[in-house]
C-alpha cells in the first residue's frame, strides 16, 4: 500500500499545480470540442475517490452531497465554479489523502462491495479500489493535459 499512497500523493500534487498555473477563468473554460474543463476534472477525481473507496466500503466519505452532485460520473460543468468552491477543491486534494490514509491504517475499511467499473475493471477489494483510483486519476490528468492547451 505504501507505493499506492506514494503514487496517489504524487498525482494529487500534479493536480494542485493547476491552481498555481491557471486563473479561475482558465480553470472554468470549456474549450471547443471538449465536454468539461480543468476544474471539473479536479472535482471529479475528488468525488470519484470518495465513491470508490468509501461508498464501495459502505462508509460515509468526507465530501458533501452538493459537491458529489456537481462532479459525479456522468456530469458536466453546469456553471462557473466560484473562488470559494475552487479553494475547497484545492484543500480537499491533499486533506482527503491524509484522512483516507489514516482510515486505512486504522482498519476502517472492513468490507468492499465488489463491482465492475464503467470502463470494465472488476473491483473485488479495497486494494483493487485504491489501484483503480490511481489509474482513474491518471486518465483525468491526461484529459487535463489536453484541455490546458486550449485555455
N, C-alpha and C. Protein backbone atom coordinates (compact mmCIF):
# COMPACT_ATOMS: atom_id res chain seq x y z
N UNK A 1 0.81 -1.20 0.00
CA UNK A 1 0.00 0.00 0.00
C UNK A 1 0.85 1.27 0.00
N UNK A 2 2.05 1.17 0.51
CA UNK A 2 2.90 2.37 0.55
C UNK A 2 3.10 2.95 -0.85
N UNK A 3 3.34 2.08 -1.84
CA UNK A 3 3.57 2.60 -3.19
C UNK A 3 2.28 3.17 -3.79
N UNK A 4 1.14 2.60 -3.43
CA UNK A 4 -0.14 3.14 -3.91
C UNK A 4 -0.36 4.54 -3.34
N UNK A 5 -0.11 4.70 -2.05
CA UNK A 5 -0.26 6.03 -1.43
C UNK A 5 0.76 7.01 -1.99
N UNK A 6 1.97 6.57 -2.23
CA UNK A 6 3.01 7.44 -2.79
C UNK A 6 2.60 7.93 -4.19
N UNK A 7 2.11 7.03 -5.01
CA UNK A 7 1.64 7.39 -6.35
C UNK A 7 0.49 8.37 -6.26
N UNK A 8 -0.44 8.10 -5.36
CA UNK A 8 -1.61 8.96 -5.20
C UNK A 8 -1.20 10.37 -4.77
N UNK A 9 -0.27 10.48 -3.83
CA UNK A 9 0.20 11.79 -3.38
C UNK A 9 0.88 12.55 -4.52
N UNK A 10 1.68 11.85 -5.32
CA UNK A 10 2.34 12.49 -6.45
C UNK A 10 1.31 13.01 -7.44
N UNK A 11 0.32 12.19 -7.74
CA UNK A 11 -0.75 12.58 -8.66
C UNK A 11 -1.48 13.81 -8.16
N UNK A 12 -1.86 13.80 -6.89
CA UNK A 12 -2.60 14.93 -6.33
C UNK A 12 -1.77 16.21 -6.33
N UNK A 13 -0.47 16.10 -6.13
CA UNK A 13 0.38 17.30 -6.20
C UNK A 13 0.44 17.85 -7.62
N UNK A 14 0.37 16.98 -8.62
CA UNK A 14 0.31 17.45 -10.00
C UNK A 14 -1.00 18.20 -10.26
N UNK A 15 -2.10 17.70 -9.71
CA UNK A 15 -3.38 18.40 -9.82
C UNK A 15 -3.32 19.76 -9.13
N UNK A 16 -2.67 19.80 -7.99
CA UNK A 16 -2.55 21.04 -7.21
C UNK A 16 -1.86 22.14 -8.02
N UNK A 17 -0.92 21.76 -8.86
CA UNK A 17 -0.19 22.74 -9.67
C UNK A 17 -1.10 23.52 -10.61
N UNK A 18 -2.23 22.94 -11.00
CA UNK A 18 -3.15 23.65 -11.89
C UNK A 18 -3.71 24.91 -11.23
N UNK A 19 -3.86 24.89 -9.92
CA UNK A 19 -4.34 26.08 -9.21
C UNK A 19 -3.30 27.19 -9.23
N UNK A 20 -2.03 26.83 -9.33
CA UNK A 20 -0.96 27.82 -9.36
C UNK A 20 -0.72 28.37 -10.76
N UNK A 21 -0.94 27.55 -11.77
CA UNK A 21 -0.59 27.92 -13.14
C UNK A 21 -1.73 28.53 -13.95
N UNK A 22 -2.97 28.37 -13.48
CA UNK A 22 -4.12 28.83 -14.27
C UNK A 22 -5.03 29.69 -13.42
N UNK A 23 -5.63 30.68 -14.05
CA UNK A 23 -6.59 31.55 -13.37
C UNK A 23 -7.91 30.79 -13.20
N UNK A 24 -8.77 31.32 -12.36
CA UNK A 24 -10.09 30.72 -12.18
C UNK A 24 -10.86 30.71 -13.50
N UNK A 25 -10.70 31.75 -14.28
CA UNK A 25 -11.35 31.82 -15.59
C UNK A 25 -10.85 30.69 -16.49
N UNK A 26 -9.55 30.46 -16.50
CA UNK A 26 -8.99 29.37 -17.31
C UNK A 26 -9.44 28.00 -16.79
N UNK A 27 -9.47 27.85 -15.47
CA UNK A 27 -9.91 26.57 -14.89
C UNK A 27 -11.35 26.26 -15.26
N UNK A 28 -12.18 27.30 -15.40
CA UNK A 28 -13.60 27.14 -15.72
C UNK A 28 -13.91 27.02 -17.21
N UNK A 29 -12.96 27.35 -18.07
CA UNK A 29 -13.22 27.38 -19.51
C UNK A 29 -13.37 25.96 -20.08
N UNK A 30 -14.47 25.76 -20.80
CA UNK A 30 -14.67 24.51 -21.54
C UNK A 30 -14.30 24.80 -22.98
N UNK A 31 -13.14 24.32 -23.42
CA UNK A 31 -12.71 24.60 -24.79
C UNK A 31 -13.63 23.93 -25.82
N UNK A 32 -13.67 24.52 -27.00
CA UNK A 32 -14.43 23.92 -28.10
C UNK A 32 -13.96 22.48 -28.31
N UNK A 33 -14.91 21.59 -28.48
CA UNK A 33 -14.59 20.19 -28.72
C UNK A 33 -14.46 19.36 -27.45
N UNK A 34 -14.53 20.00 -26.29
CA UNK A 34 -14.44 19.29 -25.01
C UNK A 34 -15.78 19.39 -24.28
N UNK A 35 -16.05 18.42 -23.42
CA UNK A 35 -17.31 18.45 -22.67
C UNK A 35 -17.12 18.88 -21.23
N UNK A 36 -15.88 19.12 -20.83
CA UNK A 36 -15.65 19.59 -19.46
C UNK A 36 -14.42 20.49 -19.43
N UNK A 37 -14.03 20.88 -18.23
CA UNK A 37 -12.93 21.82 -18.08
C UNK A 37 -11.94 21.32 -17.03
N UNK A 38 -10.93 22.12 -16.77
CA UNK A 38 -9.89 21.72 -15.82
C UNK A 38 -10.45 21.52 -14.42
N UNK A 39 -11.26 22.47 -13.96
CA UNK A 39 -11.76 22.40 -12.58
C UNK A 39 -12.75 21.25 -12.41
N UNK A 40 -13.52 20.93 -13.45
CA UNK A 40 -14.44 19.79 -13.34
C UNK A 40 -13.64 18.51 -13.15
N UNK A 41 -12.56 18.34 -13.87
CA UNK A 41 -11.73 17.14 -13.72
C UNK A 41 -11.17 17.02 -12.31
N UNK A 42 -10.78 18.14 -11.73
CA UNK A 42 -10.27 18.12 -10.36
C UNK A 42 -11.38 17.71 -9.39
N UNK A 43 -12.53 18.34 -9.52
CA UNK A 43 -13.65 17.97 -8.66
C UNK A 43 -14.07 16.52 -8.86
N UNK A 44 -14.04 16.08 -10.09
CA UNK A 44 -14.44 14.71 -10.40
C UNK A 44 -13.54 13.67 -9.75
N UNK A 45 -12.23 13.86 -9.81
CA UNK A 45 -11.34 12.84 -9.21
C UNK A 45 -11.49 12.82 -7.69
N UNK A 46 -11.85 13.96 -7.11
CA UNK A 46 -12.08 14.02 -5.67
C UNK A 46 -13.31 13.20 -5.29
N UNK A 47 -14.43 13.45 -5.97
CA UNK A 47 -15.65 12.72 -5.60
C UNK A 47 -15.60 11.27 -6.04
N UNK A 48 -14.92 10.98 -7.14
CA UNK A 48 -14.80 9.59 -7.59
C UNK A 48 -14.01 8.77 -6.58
N UNK A 49 -12.95 9.35 -6.01
CA UNK A 49 -12.17 8.65 -4.99
C UNK A 49 -13.04 8.35 -3.78
N UNK A 50 -13.84 9.30 -3.40
CA UNK A 50 -14.72 9.09 -2.25
C UNK A 50 -15.73 7.98 -2.52
N UNK A 51 -16.26 7.94 -3.73
CA UNK A 51 -17.20 6.88 -4.09
C UNK A 51 -16.51 5.53 -4.17
N UNK A 52 -15.37 5.48 -4.83
CA UNK A 52 -14.65 4.21 -4.99
C UNK A 52 -14.23 3.62 -3.65
N UNK A 53 -13.67 4.43 -2.80
CA UNK A 53 -13.08 3.94 -1.56
C UNK A 53 -14.11 3.86 -0.43
N UNK A 54 -14.84 4.94 -0.21
CA UNK A 54 -15.75 4.98 0.94
C UNK A 54 -17.10 4.35 0.64
N UNK A 55 -17.77 4.80 -0.41
CA UNK A 55 -19.08 4.21 -0.70
C UNK A 55 -18.94 2.73 -1.04
N UNK A 56 -17.85 2.38 -1.72
CA UNK A 56 -17.60 0.97 -2.03
C UNK A 56 -17.38 0.13 -0.78
N UNK A 57 -17.00 0.79 0.31
CA UNK A 57 -16.78 0.10 1.59
C UNK A 57 -17.94 0.31 2.55
N UNK A 58 -19.04 0.89 2.05
CA UNK A 58 -20.23 1.15 2.86
C UNK A 58 -19.92 2.12 4.01
N UNK A 59 -19.09 3.11 3.74
CA UNK A 59 -18.73 4.12 4.73
C UNK A 59 -19.09 5.51 4.21
N UNK A 60 -19.35 6.42 5.14
CA UNK A 60 -19.55 7.81 4.75
C UNK A 60 -18.19 8.41 4.40
N UNK A 61 -18.16 9.20 3.37
CA UNK A 61 -16.93 9.88 2.98
C UNK A 61 -16.87 11.26 3.60
N UNK A 62 -16.05 12.10 3.00
CA UNK A 62 -15.78 13.42 3.55
C UNK A 62 -16.20 14.56 2.63
N UNK A 63 -16.97 14.28 1.59
CA UNK A 63 -17.43 15.36 0.71
C UNK A 63 -18.94 15.49 0.82
N UNK A 64 -19.41 16.70 0.63
CA UNK A 64 -20.84 16.98 0.74
C UNK A 64 -21.60 16.37 -0.43
N UNK A 65 -22.89 16.17 -0.22
CA UNK A 65 -23.76 15.68 -1.30
C UNK A 65 -23.79 16.69 -2.45
N UNK A 66 -23.72 17.97 -2.10
CA UNK A 66 -23.72 19.03 -3.13
C UNK A 66 -22.49 18.89 -4.03
N UNK A 67 -21.33 18.72 -3.42
CA UNK A 67 -20.10 18.57 -4.19
C UNK A 67 -20.15 17.29 -5.03
N UNK A 68 -20.63 16.23 -4.42
CA UNK A 68 -20.76 14.97 -5.15
C UNK A 68 -21.66 15.15 -6.37
N UNK A 69 -22.77 15.85 -6.19
CA UNK A 69 -23.70 16.08 -7.29
C UNK A 69 -23.10 16.87 -8.45
N UNK A 70 -22.19 17.78 -8.14
CA UNK A 70 -21.57 18.60 -9.19
C UNK A 70 -20.57 17.82 -10.04
N UNK A 71 -19.90 16.84 -9.44
CA UNK A 71 -18.75 16.22 -10.11
C UNK A 71 -18.82 14.70 -10.27
N UNK A 72 -19.92 14.09 -9.90
CA UNK A 72 -20.01 12.63 -10.01
C UNK A 72 -19.96 12.19 -11.47
N UNK A 73 -19.64 10.91 -11.69
CA UNK A 73 -19.60 10.41 -13.07
C UNK A 73 -20.90 10.70 -13.80
N UNK A 74 -20.75 11.08 -15.05
CA UNK A 74 -21.91 11.40 -15.88
C UNK A 74 -22.31 12.85 -15.88
N UNK A 75 -21.66 13.67 -15.04
CA UNK A 75 -21.99 15.09 -15.00
C UNK A 75 -21.06 15.88 -15.92
N UNK A 76 -21.46 17.12 -16.17
CA UNK A 76 -20.65 18.07 -16.93
C UNK A 76 -20.74 19.40 -16.18
N UNK A 77 -19.83 20.30 -16.47
CA UNK A 77 -19.93 21.62 -15.83
C UNK A 77 -21.26 22.28 -16.20
N UNK A 78 -21.97 22.78 -15.19
CA UNK A 78 -23.25 23.44 -15.43
C UNK A 78 -23.17 24.94 -15.19
N UNK A 79 -22.06 25.39 -14.69
CA UNK A 79 -21.86 26.81 -14.41
C UNK A 79 -20.42 27.03 -14.00
N UNK A 80 -20.12 28.24 -13.62
CA UNK A 80 -18.76 28.58 -13.21
C UNK A 80 -18.55 28.22 -11.74
N UNK A 81 -17.41 27.61 -11.46
CA UNK A 81 -17.02 27.33 -10.09
C UNK A 81 -16.49 28.62 -9.49
N UNK A 82 -16.94 28.93 -8.29
CA UNK A 82 -16.53 30.18 -7.63
C UNK A 82 -15.14 30.01 -7.02
N UNK A 83 -14.58 31.13 -6.60
CA UNK A 83 -13.28 31.13 -5.92
C UNK A 83 -13.35 30.29 -4.65
N UNK A 84 -14.45 30.42 -3.90
CA UNK A 84 -14.61 29.65 -2.65
C UNK A 84 -14.69 28.15 -2.95
N UNK A 85 -15.42 27.77 -3.99
CA UNK A 85 -15.51 26.36 -4.36
C UNK A 85 -14.15 25.84 -4.83
N UNK A 86 -13.43 26.66 -5.59
CA UNK A 86 -12.10 26.25 -6.06
C UNK A 86 -11.16 26.05 -4.88
N UNK A 87 -11.24 26.94 -3.89
CA UNK A 87 -10.40 26.79 -2.70
C UNK A 87 -10.74 25.52 -1.92
N UNK A 88 -12.03 25.18 -1.87
CA UNK A 88 -12.43 23.94 -1.20
C UNK A 88 -11.84 22.73 -1.92
N UNK A 89 -11.92 22.73 -3.24
CA UNK A 89 -11.35 21.61 -4.01
C UNK A 89 -9.85 21.53 -3.80
N UNK A 90 -9.20 22.67 -3.80
CA UNK A 90 -7.75 22.71 -3.59
C UNK A 90 -7.40 22.10 -2.24
N UNK A 91 -8.13 22.46 -1.20
CA UNK A 91 -7.88 21.91 0.13
C UNK A 91 -8.15 20.41 0.18
N UNK A 92 -9.22 19.97 -0.47
CA UNK A 92 -9.60 18.56 -0.44
C UNK A 92 -8.59 17.66 -1.15
N UNK A 93 -7.91 18.19 -2.15
CA UNK A 93 -6.94 17.38 -2.89
C UNK A 93 -5.96 16.68 -1.96
N UNK A 94 -5.45 17.39 -0.99
CA UNK A 94 -4.45 16.83 -0.08
C UNK A 94 -5.09 16.33 1.22
N UNK A 95 -6.05 17.07 1.75
CA UNK A 95 -6.67 16.69 3.03
C UNK A 95 -7.29 15.30 2.96
N UNK A 96 -7.88 14.95 1.83
CA UNK A 96 -8.54 13.65 1.72
C UNK A 96 -7.54 12.50 1.68
N UNK A 97 -6.35 12.76 1.19
CA UNK A 97 -5.32 11.71 1.23
C UNK A 97 -5.00 11.39 2.69
N UNK A 98 -4.78 12.42 3.47
CA UNK A 98 -4.43 12.22 4.88
C UNK A 98 -5.53 11.48 5.62
N UNK A 99 -6.80 11.87 5.39
CA UNK A 99 -7.91 11.22 6.07
C UNK A 99 -8.05 9.77 5.62
N UNK A 100 -7.92 9.54 4.32
CA UNK A 100 -8.09 8.19 3.78
C UNK A 100 -6.96 7.28 4.25
N UNK A 101 -5.76 7.79 4.25
CA UNK A 101 -4.61 7.00 4.71
C UNK A 101 -4.79 6.63 6.19
N UNK A 102 -5.22 7.59 6.98
CA UNK A 102 -5.46 7.33 8.40
C UNK A 102 -6.55 6.27 8.57
N UNK A 103 -7.64 6.42 7.82
CA UNK A 103 -8.73 5.45 7.89
C UNK A 103 -8.26 4.06 7.48
N UNK A 104 -7.40 4.00 6.48
CA UNK A 104 -6.89 2.70 6.03
C UNK A 104 -6.05 2.05 7.12
N UNK A 105 -5.11 2.78 7.65
CA UNK A 105 -4.23 2.20 8.66
C UNK A 105 -4.93 1.94 10.00
N UNK A 106 -6.06 2.62 10.22
CA UNK A 106 -6.87 2.33 11.41
C UNK A 106 -7.81 1.14 11.20
N UNK A 107 -7.78 0.55 10.01
CA UNK A 107 -8.60 -0.62 9.74
C UNK A 107 -10.07 -0.34 9.51
N UNK A 108 -10.39 0.87 9.08
CA UNK A 108 -11.80 1.23 8.89
C UNK A 108 -12.44 0.57 7.68
N UNK A 109 -11.65 0.14 6.72
CA UNK A 109 -12.20 -0.48 5.51
C UNK A 109 -12.26 -1.99 5.71
N UNK A 110 -13.38 -2.44 6.23
CA UNK A 110 -13.52 -3.86 6.61
C UNK A 110 -14.14 -4.70 5.50
N UNK A 111 -15.03 -4.12 4.72
CA UNK A 111 -15.69 -4.85 3.63
C UNK A 111 -15.61 -4.01 2.37
N UNK A 112 -15.83 -4.67 1.24
CA UNK A 112 -15.88 -3.94 -0.03
C UNK A 112 -16.95 -4.57 -0.91
N UNK A 113 -17.77 -3.73 -1.50
CA UNK A 113 -18.83 -4.16 -2.38
C UNK A 113 -18.26 -4.35 -3.79
N UNK A 114 -17.96 -5.60 -4.15
CA UNK A 114 -17.36 -5.87 -5.47
C UNK A 114 -18.26 -5.35 -6.58
N UNK A 115 -17.64 -4.80 -7.61
CA UNK A 115 -18.40 -4.27 -8.75
C UNK A 115 -17.51 -4.12 -9.97
N UNK A 116 -18.16 -3.91 -11.10
CA UNK A 116 -17.47 -3.65 -12.35
C UNK A 116 -17.56 -2.15 -12.60
N UNK A 117 -16.44 -1.54 -12.94
CA UNK A 117 -16.45 -0.11 -13.25
C UNK A 117 -17.02 0.10 -14.65
N UNK A 118 -17.34 1.33 -14.95
CA UNK A 118 -17.84 1.67 -16.28
C UNK A 118 -16.83 1.41 -17.38
N UNK A 119 -15.56 1.32 -17.02
CA UNK A 119 -14.51 1.06 -18.01
C UNK A 119 -14.10 -0.41 -18.05
N UNK A 120 -14.82 -1.25 -17.32
CA UNK A 120 -14.59 -2.69 -17.42
C UNK A 120 -13.63 -3.30 -16.43
N UNK A 121 -13.28 -2.57 -15.38
CA UNK A 121 -12.40 -3.13 -14.34
C UNK A 121 -13.24 -3.76 -13.25
N UNK A 122 -12.92 -4.97 -12.86
CA UNK A 122 -13.62 -5.61 -11.76
C UNK A 122 -12.89 -5.28 -10.45
N UNK A 123 -13.60 -4.65 -9.55
CA UNK A 123 -13.04 -4.29 -8.25
C UNK A 123 -13.63 -5.23 -7.22
N UNK A 124 -12.78 -6.04 -6.62
CA UNK A 124 -13.28 -7.01 -5.65
C UNK A 124 -12.78 -6.76 -4.22
N UNK A 125 -11.94 -5.74 -4.06
CA UNK A 125 -11.38 -5.48 -2.73
C UNK A 125 -11.02 -4.00 -2.62
N UNK A 126 -10.75 -3.58 -1.39
CA UNK A 126 -10.33 -2.20 -1.17
C UNK A 126 -9.00 -1.93 -1.87
N UNK A 127 -8.14 -2.92 -1.93
CA UNK A 127 -6.87 -2.77 -2.64
C UNK A 127 -7.11 -2.51 -4.12
N UNK A 128 -8.04 -3.26 -4.72
CA UNK A 128 -8.39 -3.03 -6.13
C UNK A 128 -8.90 -1.60 -6.32
N UNK A 129 -9.70 -1.14 -5.36
CA UNK A 129 -10.28 0.21 -5.47
C UNK A 129 -9.18 1.27 -5.42
N UNK A 130 -8.21 1.10 -4.54
CA UNK A 130 -7.11 2.07 -4.48
C UNK A 130 -6.30 2.05 -5.77
N UNK A 131 -6.03 0.87 -6.30
CA UNK A 131 -5.27 0.79 -7.55
C UNK A 131 -6.04 1.41 -8.70
N UNK A 132 -7.33 1.11 -8.78
CA UNK A 132 -8.14 1.69 -9.84
C UNK A 132 -8.23 3.21 -9.69
N UNK A 133 -8.31 3.69 -8.45
CA UNK A 133 -8.36 5.13 -8.24
C UNK A 133 -7.14 5.82 -8.85
N UNK A 134 -5.96 5.25 -8.64
CA UNK A 134 -4.75 5.84 -9.22
C UNK A 134 -4.81 5.82 -10.74
N UNK A 135 -5.28 4.74 -11.31
CA UNK A 135 -5.44 4.65 -12.76
C UNK A 135 -6.41 5.73 -13.24
N UNK A 136 -7.56 5.84 -12.57
CA UNK A 136 -8.59 6.81 -12.93
C UNK A 136 -8.06 8.24 -12.86
N UNK A 137 -7.31 8.54 -11.81
CA UNK A 137 -6.76 9.89 -11.68
C UNK A 137 -5.73 10.16 -12.77
N UNK A 138 -5.00 9.14 -13.17
CA UNK A 138 -4.05 9.29 -14.28
C UNK A 138 -4.75 9.61 -15.58
N UNK A 139 -5.88 8.95 -15.84
CA UNK A 139 -6.66 9.24 -17.04
C UNK A 139 -7.10 10.71 -17.07
N UNK A 140 -7.63 11.17 -15.96
CA UNK A 140 -8.12 12.54 -15.93
C UNK A 140 -6.99 13.56 -15.98
N UNK A 141 -5.83 13.21 -15.48
CA UNK A 141 -4.68 14.10 -15.62
C UNK A 141 -4.32 14.22 -17.11
N UNK A 142 -4.43 13.13 -17.83
CA UNK A 142 -4.20 13.16 -19.27
C UNK A 142 -5.21 14.04 -19.99
N UNK A 143 -6.49 13.94 -19.60
CA UNK A 143 -7.51 14.81 -20.20
C UNK A 143 -7.16 16.28 -19.95
N UNK A 144 -6.71 16.56 -18.74
CA UNK A 144 -6.37 17.94 -18.39
C UNK A 144 -5.17 18.44 -19.18
N UNK A 145 -4.25 17.56 -19.47
CA UNK A 145 -3.09 17.96 -20.27
C UNK A 145 -3.52 18.35 -21.68
N UNK A 146 -4.57 17.73 -22.18
CA UNK A 146 -5.12 18.11 -23.48
C UNK A 146 -5.88 19.43 -23.39
N UNK A 147 -6.71 19.57 -22.37
CA UNK A 147 -7.53 20.77 -22.20
C UNK A 147 -6.65 22.00 -22.01
N UNK A 148 -5.59 21.88 -21.25
CA UNK A 148 -4.78 23.06 -20.90
C UNK A 148 -4.20 23.77 -22.12
N UNK A 149 -4.06 23.08 -23.20
CA UNK A 149 -3.52 23.71 -24.41
C UNK A 149 -4.50 24.68 -25.05
N UNK A 150 -5.77 24.62 -24.63
CA UNK A 150 -6.80 25.42 -25.27
C UNK A 150 -7.44 26.45 -24.33
N UNK A 151 -6.85 26.63 -23.16
CA UNK A 151 -7.43 27.63 -22.25
C UNK A 151 -6.54 28.86 -22.20
